[in-house]
Amino acid sequence: MYGLHGLREGLLEPTGLCTARSPFTELGLRAFPEIVLGGHDVCTRSISESARELVENGILPSTLVESGSQWAAAYEARLCAGPLDGPEVGLADLDPRTTRLSACSAREQVRQLAQDLRAFREREQLDRVVVVYVASTEAWRVADPAWEDLASFERRLDQGQSPPASMLYAYAALDAGAAFVNFTPNLGSSVPALRQMARERRLPHCGNDGKTGETLIKTVLAPMFAARNLRVLAWQGYNILGNRDGQVLAESTHRATKVHNKNEALRSLLGDSAVHTHVGIDYVPSLQDWKTAWDYIHFEGFLGVRMSLQFTWTGSDSALAAPLVLDLVRLVDQAWAKGEFGELAWTAPFFKAPLAGGTHDFHLQFRGLLEHVRGWLQP
C-alpha cells in the first residue's frame, strides 16, 4: 500500500517491478494512480501499527509513511472482515467480526465475501477487480473428491461442508466476477472445480505461492547443474524468519504446505526423484520481517570428485513480495482486457508452483513471459 502510494506520487523508483522494464513499459499497463486498494482482513491491528514495525526494521522510510497517512486511512476504511480457515483459532487481535463470520455456513461466508467485492467495484467505479490472496499458510489438506468438479463442490457448500478458506475466497472472487491471484501455497483456485468455474465465467486466475527468495535462487541454480551434467547428491536448505508468517509456519501442519512447493520445484529441475532434499523452517521472533535462508548443495563431478556450493540469502518478505503483487495486478488486468481467461500459464516465473504446470526453470519461465507480452504488442 505504501509502495503504491510512493509510486503514484513519484517518491519511489520502481525497483523490483518487472513491469517497469521493457517490453512491459510498452504495453500501456494500468497506471499506478488508477489502482484502488481494498480487501479483507481477520485482525484488528491497524495499518499504522504494521507500518511502524516496518519503519523500525528499516524497510519502510518514515517519510513515506508520513506522506501516505491520509491514503492509508482511506484504504483502511475500505477493509472488510474476512473468515478464518476452519481449523484456525486466530491470534490475540482477531477481529470480532471475523469470529462471527467464521461461525456462519460456508455458503454465507461466500455470499458475504462476494457481496463485499461487488460493493467495492460499484462504490469505487472500477473497470475490473483483481483479488490477490496473501493470507497466512493453511494447514496441509488431503484433496476431497468433491473438489473434482464444480457441481460436486457446490453441493458440498450447500450441505454445510466447508473447504479451506483459500478456496472460499477464490470461489467468492470468481462468483463476484473478479480475477484471482493466489500468492500463497494454499489451494486457492487450483482445484479442478474452481478451474472449471474460472473457464465457465471467462475469468483469469493464476498462482500458486509467490517466488521471492530461496526458491527463486534454486530455480536459477538447479538448471545449471543439470546443463553441466553435474550430479546433485543432496540439497539441504534451512530458513529462519520472523513476523506472522514465521509464527504460522512454526506449526508442523502449516509448514508441510510450504515445504511441499519448495521441494517439488527442485526435484523437477534436477530430474532425479531420489535426490536428497530437505527444507527446514524455524521461527525466530526477533527477525521480524527479515528472512535468512542458507543452502548447502553437495554434488559430484568428473572422476567422481565430490564438491559443494553454499549460499545465504537474506531479505525482507514485504520488500520482495510487494512489487510482484503490483506486477501481477497490472499484468492480469491487461490479460483480462485482452480477453484471456482460465489459468494464465505465462505468469509462471512469479510462482513456486505455477497453476498451469510446466517447467520450473526461471530462465525458461521468464522467456515464456516475454514472448507472451511481446505477442500483445503485435498489430
Protein backbone atom coordinates (compact mmCIF):
# COMPACT_ATOMS: atom_id res chain seq x y z
CA MET A 1 0.00 0.00 0.00
CA TYR A 2 2.77 2.46 0.93
CA GLY A 3 4.84 1.35 -2.08
CA LEU A 4 1.93 2.06 -4.40
CA HIS A 5 1.49 5.47 -2.77
CA GLY A 6 5.19 6.22 -3.34
CA LEU A 7 4.96 5.18 -7.00
CA ARG A 8 1.81 7.26 -7.53
CA GLU A 9 3.46 10.36 -6.09
CA GLY A 10 6.86 9.85 -7.71
CA LEU A 11 8.52 9.35 -4.33
CA LEU A 12 9.93 5.90 -5.21
CA GLU A 13 11.84 4.33 -8.06
CA PRO A 14 10.05 1.22 -9.42
CA THR A 15 12.96 -1.03 -8.46
CA GLY A 16 11.90 -4.68 -8.24
CA LEU A 17 8.93 -4.33 -10.61
CA CYS A 18 9.28 -6.37 -13.80
CA THR A 19 6.61 -4.18 -15.40
CA ALA A 20 8.91 -1.16 -15.04
CA ARG A 21 11.30 -2.53 -17.68
CA SER A 22 11.00 -3.09 -21.44
CA PRO A 23 8.95 -4.56 -23.11
CA PHE A 24 6.36 -4.22 -20.34
CA THR A 25 6.61 -0.44 -20.40
CA GLU A 26 5.34 -0.50 -23.99
CA LEU A 27 2.12 -2.33 -23.13
CA GLY A 28 0.07 0.56 -21.79
CA LEU A 29 -0.49 -1.22 -18.49
CA ARG A 30 -2.78 0.22 -15.83
CA ALA A 31 -1.10 3.33 -14.39
CA PHE A 32 -0.39 3.38 -10.65
CA PRO A 33 -2.79 6.30 -9.94
CA GLU A 34 -5.63 4.22 -11.44
CA ILE A 35 -5.23 1.36 -8.94
CA VAL A 36 -7.58 1.40 -5.94
CA LEU A 37 -6.84 -0.88 -2.98
CA GLY A 38 -9.42 -2.62 -0.83
CA GLY A 39 -9.53 -6.01 0.82
CA HIS A 40 -10.36 -8.33 3.69
CA ASP A 41 -8.51 -8.91 6.95
CA VAL A 42 -9.03 -11.04 10.04
CA CYS A 43 -7.28 -8.94 12.69
CA THR A 44 -7.79 -5.55 14.30
CA ARG A 45 -4.18 -4.40 14.03
CA SER A 46 -4.15 -1.04 12.25
CA ILE A 47 -2.20 -0.16 9.12
CA SER A 48 -0.23 2.41 11.13
CA GLU A 49 0.85 -0.28 13.63
CA SER A 50 2.10 -2.53 10.82
CA ALA A 51 3.83 0.43 9.20
CA ARG A 52 5.56 1.35 12.46
CA GLU A 53 7.01 -2.17 12.69
CA LEU A 54 8.35 -1.92 9.15
CA VAL A 55 9.84 1.51 9.81
CA GLU A 56 11.58 0.19 12.95
CA ASN A 57 13.00 -2.69 10.91
CA GLY A 58 14.44 -0.42 8.24
CA ILE A 59 12.03 -1.46 5.49
CA LEU A 60 9.62 1.47 5.14
CA PRO A 61 11.00 5.03 5.10
CA SER A 62 9.29 7.08 7.81
CA THR A 63 8.85 9.96 5.35
CA LEU A 64 6.84 7.69 3.04
CA VAL A 65 4.58 6.60 5.91
CA GLU A 66 4.00 10.21 6.95
CA SER A 67 3.18 11.40 3.44
CA GLY A 68 0.84 8.46 2.87
CA SER A 69 -1.07 8.69 6.15
CA GLN A 70 -4.31 10.00 4.63
CA TRP A 71 -4.20 7.46 1.82
CA ALA A 72 -3.56 4.71 4.37
CA ALA A 73 -6.58 5.79 6.40
CA ALA A 74 -8.77 5.73 3.28
CA TYR A 75 -7.51 2.23 2.43
CA GLU A 76 -8.13 1.01 5.96
CA ALA A 77 -11.71 2.29 5.77
CA ARG A 78 -12.24 0.05 2.73
CA LEU A 79 -11.13 -3.13 4.55
CA CYS A 80 -13.80 -5.69 5.40
CA ALA A 81 -13.68 -8.63 7.80
CA GLY A 82 -12.96 -11.99 6.20
CA PRO A 83 -13.38 -15.54 7.54
CA LEU A 84 -10.63 -17.64 9.10
CA ASP A 85 -9.73 -21.08 7.85
CA GLY A 86 -11.90 -23.63 9.69
CA PRO A 87 -9.22 -25.28 11.89
CA GLU A 88 -7.67 -21.94 12.91
CA VAL A 89 -8.39 -20.06 16.12
CA GLY A 90 -6.64 -16.80 15.30
CA LEU A 91 -4.31 -14.64 17.37
CA ALA A 92 -4.98 -12.22 20.20
CA ASP A 93 -6.03 -9.38 17.87
CA LEU A 94 -8.64 -11.42 15.98
CA ASP A 95 -11.42 -9.19 14.66
CA PRO A 96 -14.77 -10.00 16.39
CA ARG A 97 -16.49 -9.62 13.02
CA THR A 98 -14.24 -12.39 11.68
CA THR A 99 -15.27 -14.61 14.58
CA ARG A 100 -18.94 -14.07 13.76
CA LEU A 101 -18.47 -14.61 10.02
CA SER A 102 -16.37 -17.74 10.57
CA ALA A 103 -19.22 -19.23 12.59
CA CYS A 104 -21.57 -18.92 9.60
CA SER A 105 -22.11 -21.58 6.97
CA ALA A 106 -19.70 -21.80 4.03
CA ARG A 107 -22.46 -20.50 1.74
CA GLU A 108 -23.00 -17.45 3.93
CA GLN A 109 -19.27 -16.75 4.10
CA VAL A 110 -19.02 -16.88 0.31
CA ARG A 111 -22.11 -14.70 -0.08
CA GLN A 112 -20.64 -12.03 2.21
CA LEU A 113 -17.22 -12.05 0.54
CA ALA A 114 -18.74 -11.76 -2.95
CA GLN A 115 -21.08 -9.00 -1.77
CA ASP A 116 -18.12 -7.04 -0.39
CA LEU A 117 -16.27 -7.34 -3.71
CA ARG A 118 -19.28 -6.23 -5.76
CA ALA A 119 -19.88 -3.26 -3.46
CA PHE A 120 -16.21 -2.28 -3.71
CA ARG A 121 -16.31 -2.34 -7.51
CA GLU A 122 -19.51 -0.28 -7.68
CA ARG A 123 -18.55 2.22 -4.98
CA GLU A 124 -15.13 2.93 -6.50
CA GLN A 125 -16.47 2.77 -10.09
CA LEU A 126 -13.84 0.24 -11.16
CA ASP A 127 -13.46 -1.40 -14.56
CA ARG A 128 -12.15 -4.65 -13.07
CA VAL A 129 -11.32 -6.17 -9.69
CA VAL A 130 -8.25 -8.40 -9.25
CA VAL A 131 -8.24 -10.29 -5.95
CA VAL A 132 -4.72 -11.10 -4.72
CA TYR A 133 -4.80 -13.70 -1.96
CA VAL A 134 -1.99 -13.05 0.55
CA ALA A 135 -3.22 -14.82 3.70
CA SER A 136 -1.12 -16.99 6.00
CA THR A 137 -0.22 -20.56 5.03
CA GLU A 138 -3.04 -23.01 5.78
CA ALA A 139 -2.62 -26.44 7.29
CA TRP A 140 -1.96 -29.26 4.82
CA ARG A 141 -5.17 -30.81 3.46
CA VAL A 142 -5.86 -34.06 1.66
CA ALA A 143 -7.78 -33.48 -1.57
CA ASP A 144 -11.53 -34.08 -1.39
CA PRO A 145 -13.09 -35.96 -4.37
CA ALA A 146 -15.88 -33.34 -4.28
CA TRP A 147 -13.38 -30.75 -5.47
CA GLU A 148 -13.05 -32.51 -8.84
CA ASP A 149 -15.99 -30.72 -10.47
CA LEU A 150 -17.99 -27.58 -9.81
CA ALA A 151 -21.37 -29.27 -9.27
CA SER A 152 -19.95 -31.54 -6.54
CA PHE A 153 -18.09 -28.63 -4.95
CA GLU A 154 -21.27 -26.56 -4.77
CA ARG A 155 -23.28 -29.47 -3.36
CA ARG A 156 -20.74 -29.68 -0.52
CA LEU A 157 -21.22 -25.99 0.15
CA ASP A 158 -24.99 -26.47 0.22
CA GLN A 159 -24.56 -29.34 2.67
CA GLY A 160 -22.63 -27.07 5.03
CA GLN A 161 -19.24 -28.72 4.49
CA SER A 162 -16.59 -26.03 4.25
CA PRO A 163 -13.42 -26.36 2.14
CA PRO A 164 -10.23 -24.47 3.15
CA ALA A 165 -10.72 -20.72 3.44
CA SER A 166 -8.44 -20.07 0.45
CA MET A 167 -10.93 -21.92 -1.74
CA LEU A 168 -13.83 -19.94 -0.29
CA TYR A 169 -12.06 -16.68 -1.13
CA ALA A 170 -11.31 -17.96 -4.64
CA TYR A 171 -14.88 -19.12 -5.20
CA ALA A 172 -16.25 -15.79 -3.91
CA ALA A 173 -13.91 -13.81 -6.16
CA LEU A 174 -14.96 -15.74 -9.25
CA ASP A 175 -18.62 -15.57 -8.21
CA ALA A 176 -18.30 -11.78 -7.94
CA GLY A 177 -16.77 -11.57 -11.42
CA ALA A 178 -13.23 -10.84 -10.22
CA ALA A 179 -9.88 -12.27 -11.31
CA PHE A 180 -7.98 -14.28 -8.69
CA VAL A 181 -4.25 -14.42 -7.94
CA ASN A 182 -3.05 -16.88 -5.28
CA PHE A 183 0.24 -15.58 -3.86
CA THR A 184 0.25 -18.27 -1.13
CA PRO A 185 0.97 -22.03 -1.09
CA ASN A 186 -2.69 -22.62 -0.17
CA LEU A 187 -5.04 -24.45 -2.55
CA GLY A 188 -6.97 -21.37 -3.67
CA SER A 189 -8.30 -21.77 -7.22
CA SER A 190 -6.01 -24.71 -8.07
CA VAL A 191 -8.60 -27.49 -7.65
CA PRO A 192 -10.42 -28.73 -10.78
CA ALA A 193 -13.81 -27.41 -9.62
CA LEU A 194 -12.60 -23.82 -9.43
CA ARG A 195 -10.54 -24.09 -12.61
CA GLN A 196 -13.81 -25.12 -14.26
CA MET A 197 -15.61 -22.16 -12.71
CA ALA A 198 -12.98 -19.71 -13.99
CA ARG A 199 -13.29 -21.10 -17.51
CA GLU A 200 -17.09 -21.00 -17.44
CA ARG A 201 -17.15 -17.44 -16.10
CA ARG A 202 -14.36 -16.48 -18.56
CA LEU A 203 -12.21 -15.07 -15.75
CA PRO A 204 -8.40 -15.17 -15.46
CA HIS A 205 -6.62 -16.67 -12.46
CA CYS A 206 -3.06 -17.68 -11.57
CA GLY A 207 -0.78 -18.84 -8.71
CA ASN A 208 0.47 -20.50 -6.56
CA ASP A 209 2.97 -19.34 -3.94
CA GLY A 210 4.93 -16.20 -4.80
CA LYS A 211 8.56 -16.96 -5.70
CA THR A 212 10.52 -14.28 -3.87
CA GLY A 213 13.67 -15.65 -2.23
CA GLU A 214 15.30 -19.03 -1.66
CA THR A 215 13.20 -20.88 -4.23
CA LEU A 216 13.87 -18.15 -6.79
CA ILE A 217 17.60 -18.84 -6.46
CA LYS A 218 17.02 -22.62 -6.57
CA THR A 219 15.15 -22.31 -9.88
CA VAL A 220 18.06 -20.30 -11.29
CA LEU A 221 20.87 -22.54 -9.98
CA ALA A 222 19.40 -26.04 -10.40
CA PRO A 223 19.22 -25.84 -14.24
CA MET A 224 22.96 -25.05 -14.23
CA PHE A 225 23.79 -28.37 -12.52
CA ALA A 226 21.53 -30.25 -14.96
CA ALA A 227 23.00 -28.47 -18.01
CA ARG A 228 26.59 -29.28 -16.97
CA ASN A 229 25.64 -32.90 -16.14
CA LEU A 230 26.78 -32.47 -12.54
CA ARG A 231 25.12 -34.95 -10.21
CA VAL A 232 23.47 -33.30 -7.20
CA LEU A 233 23.66 -35.68 -4.26
CA ALA A 234 21.92 -33.52 -1.67
CA TRP A 235 20.35 -30.08 -1.46
CA GLN A 236 19.82 -29.06 2.14
CA GLY A 237 18.07 -25.80 2.97
CA TYR A 238 17.45 -24.04 6.24
CA ASN A 239 15.21 -20.99 6.74
CA ILE A 240 14.81 -18.71 9.73
CA LEU A 241 12.19 -15.97 9.74
CA GLY A 242 10.09 -13.77 11.97
CA ASN A 243 6.74 -11.98 11.56
CA ARG A 244 3.36 -13.71 11.40
CA ASP A 245 4.45 -15.87 8.51
CA GLY A 246 7.14 -17.40 10.70
CA GLN A 247 4.73 -17.73 13.62
CA VAL A 248 2.27 -19.69 11.49
CA LEU A 249 4.97 -21.86 9.89
CA ALA A 250 6.18 -22.87 13.33
CA GLU A 251 3.22 -25.29 13.27
CA SER A 252 4.16 -28.54 11.51
CA THR A 253 0.88 -28.90 9.59
CA HIS A 254 1.29 -25.42 8.09
CA ARG A 255 5.00 -25.93 7.43
CA ALA A 256 4.23 -29.07 5.39
CA THR A 257 2.20 -26.99 2.92
CA LYS A 258 5.05 -24.54 2.42
CA VAL A 259 7.83 -27.11 2.17
CA HIS A 260 5.95 -29.16 -0.45
CA ASN A 261 6.28 -26.44 -3.13
CA LYS A 262 9.93 -25.76 -2.31
CA ASN A 263 10.92 -29.43 -2.73
CA GLU A 264 8.77 -30.21 -5.77
CA ALA A 265 10.32 -27.44 -7.87
CA LEU A 266 13.84 -28.61 -7.05
CA ARG A 267 13.23 -32.31 -7.74
CA SER A 268 11.61 -31.46 -11.05
CA LEU A 269 14.56 -29.35 -12.20
CA LEU A 270 17.19 -31.88 -11.16
CA GLY A 271 15.29 -34.70 -12.86
CA ASP A 272 16.05 -37.08 -10.01
CA SER A 273 13.20 -38.06 -7.69
CA ALA A 274 15.66 -39.89 -5.45
CA VAL A 275 17.90 -36.89 -4.69
CA HIS A 276 18.02 -35.96 -1.02
CA THR A 277 16.32 -32.60 -0.47
CA HIS A 278 15.27 -31.01 2.75
CA VAL A 279 13.97 -27.61 3.81
CA GLY A 280 13.95 -26.67 7.49
CA ILE A 281 11.95 -23.67 8.70
CA ASP A 282 12.32 -22.11 12.15
CA TYR A 283 10.55 -19.16 13.70
CA VAL A 284 12.85 -16.51 15.19
CA PRO A 285 10.65 -13.68 16.58
CA SER A 286 13.41 -11.07 16.75
CA LEU A 287 13.94 -11.21 12.96
CA GLN A 288 10.57 -9.52 12.40
CA ASP A 289 10.09 -9.08 8.62
CA TRP A 290 13.56 -10.35 7.72
CA LYS A 291 14.21 -13.86 6.47
CA THR A 292 17.50 -15.73 6.03
CA ALA A 293 17.93 -18.92 4.02
CA TRP A 294 21.13 -20.98 3.97
CA ASP A 295 21.51 -23.74 1.37
CA TYR A 296 24.16 -26.46 1.11
CA ILE A 297 24.47 -28.24 -2.24
CA HIS A 298 26.56 -31.40 -2.32
CA PHE A 299 27.36 -32.52 -5.87
CA GLU A 300 29.55 -34.90 -7.82
CA GLY A 301 31.66 -34.01 -10.83
CA PHE A 302 34.10 -35.70 -13.22
CA LEU A 303 36.18 -38.56 -11.75
CA GLY A 304 33.57 -38.86 -9.00
CA VAL A 305 35.01 -35.83 -7.21
CA ARG A 306 32.57 -34.52 -4.62
CA MET A 307 32.23 -30.77 -4.22
CA SER A 308 29.84 -28.30 -2.65
CA LEU A 309 28.21 -24.92 -3.13
CA GLN A 310 26.72 -22.86 -0.32
CA PHE A 311 24.71 -19.65 -0.46
CA THR A 312 22.97 -17.41 2.03
CA TRP A 313 20.01 -15.23 1.12
CA THR A 314 18.76 -12.53 3.48
CA GLY A 315 15.81 -10.40 2.52
CA SER A 316 12.64 -8.65 3.63
CA ASP A 317 9.49 -10.58 2.84
CA SER A 318 7.48 -7.39 2.33
CA ALA A 319 10.01 -5.66 0.10
CA LEU A 320 10.42 -8.77 -2.06
CA ALA A 321 6.74 -9.60 -2.42
CA ALA A 322 5.13 -6.16 -2.81
CA PRO A 323 6.49 -5.35 -6.31
CA LEU A 324 5.49 -8.80 -7.57
CA VAL A 325 1.94 -8.25 -6.32
CA LEU A 326 1.78 -4.95 -8.22
CA ASP A 327 3.25 -6.61 -11.34
CA LEU A 328 0.64 -9.36 -11.21
CA VAL A 329 -2.26 -6.95 -10.73
CA ARG A 330 -1.20 -4.94 -13.78
CA LEU A 331 -0.50 -7.99 -15.97
CA VAL A 332 -3.66 -9.88 -15.03
CA ASP A 333 -5.71 -6.73 -15.63
CA GLN A 334 -4.14 -6.39 -19.09
CA ALA A 335 -4.70 -10.06 -19.94
CA TRP A 336 -8.33 -9.80 -18.87
CA ALA A 337 -8.82 -6.68 -21.01
CA LYS A 338 -7.46 -8.67 -23.96
CA GLY A 339 -9.99 -11.45 -23.40
CA GLU A 340 -7.73 -14.03 -21.75
CA PHE A 341 -9.28 -16.31 -19.14
CA GLY A 342 -8.60 -19.51 -17.24
CA GLU A 343 -5.10 -20.33 -15.97
CA LEU A 344 -2.54 -17.77 -17.12
CA ALA A 345 0.39 -20.11 -17.79
CA TRP A 346 2.76 -17.26 -18.71
CA THR A 347 2.73 -15.94 -15.12
CA ALA A 348 4.87 -18.96 -14.10
CA PRO A 349 8.07 -17.02 -13.22
CA PHE A 350 6.20 -15.35 -10.35
CA PHE A 351 5.32 -18.62 -8.58
CA LYS A 352 6.90 -21.64 -6.87
CA ALA A 353 4.08 -23.93 -8.05
CA PRO A 354 2.67 -22.45 -11.28
CA LEU A 355 -1.01 -23.24 -11.62
CA ALA A 356 -0.73 -24.38 -15.23
CA GLY A 357 2.34 -26.55 -14.60
CA GLY A 358 5.28 -26.51 -16.99
CA THR A 359 8.97 -26.04 -16.29
CA HIS A 360 10.31 -24.63 -13.02
CA ASP A 361 13.40 -23.24 -14.79
CA PHE A 362 13.21 -19.50 -14.07
CA HIS A 363 15.06 -18.52 -17.26
CA LEU A 364 12.68 -20.53 -19.46
CA GLN A 365 9.69 -19.26 -17.49
CA PHE A 366 10.73 -15.65 -17.92
CA ARG A 367 11.41 -16.20 -21.63
CA GLY A 368 7.86 -17.51 -21.93
CA LEU A 369 6.52 -14.41 -20.16
CA LEU A 370 8.44 -12.11 -22.50
CA GLU A 371 7.24 -13.98 -25.59
CA HIS A 372 3.64 -13.72 -24.40
CA VAL A 373 3.69 -9.99 -23.69
CA ARG A 374 5.53 -9.29 -26.95
CA GLY A 375 2.62 -11.05 -28.64
CA TRP A 376 0.38 -8.36 -27.15
CA LEU A 377 2.46 -5.75 -28.99
CA GLN A 378 1.95 -7.36 -32.40
CA PRO A 379 -0.50 -5.48 -34.68
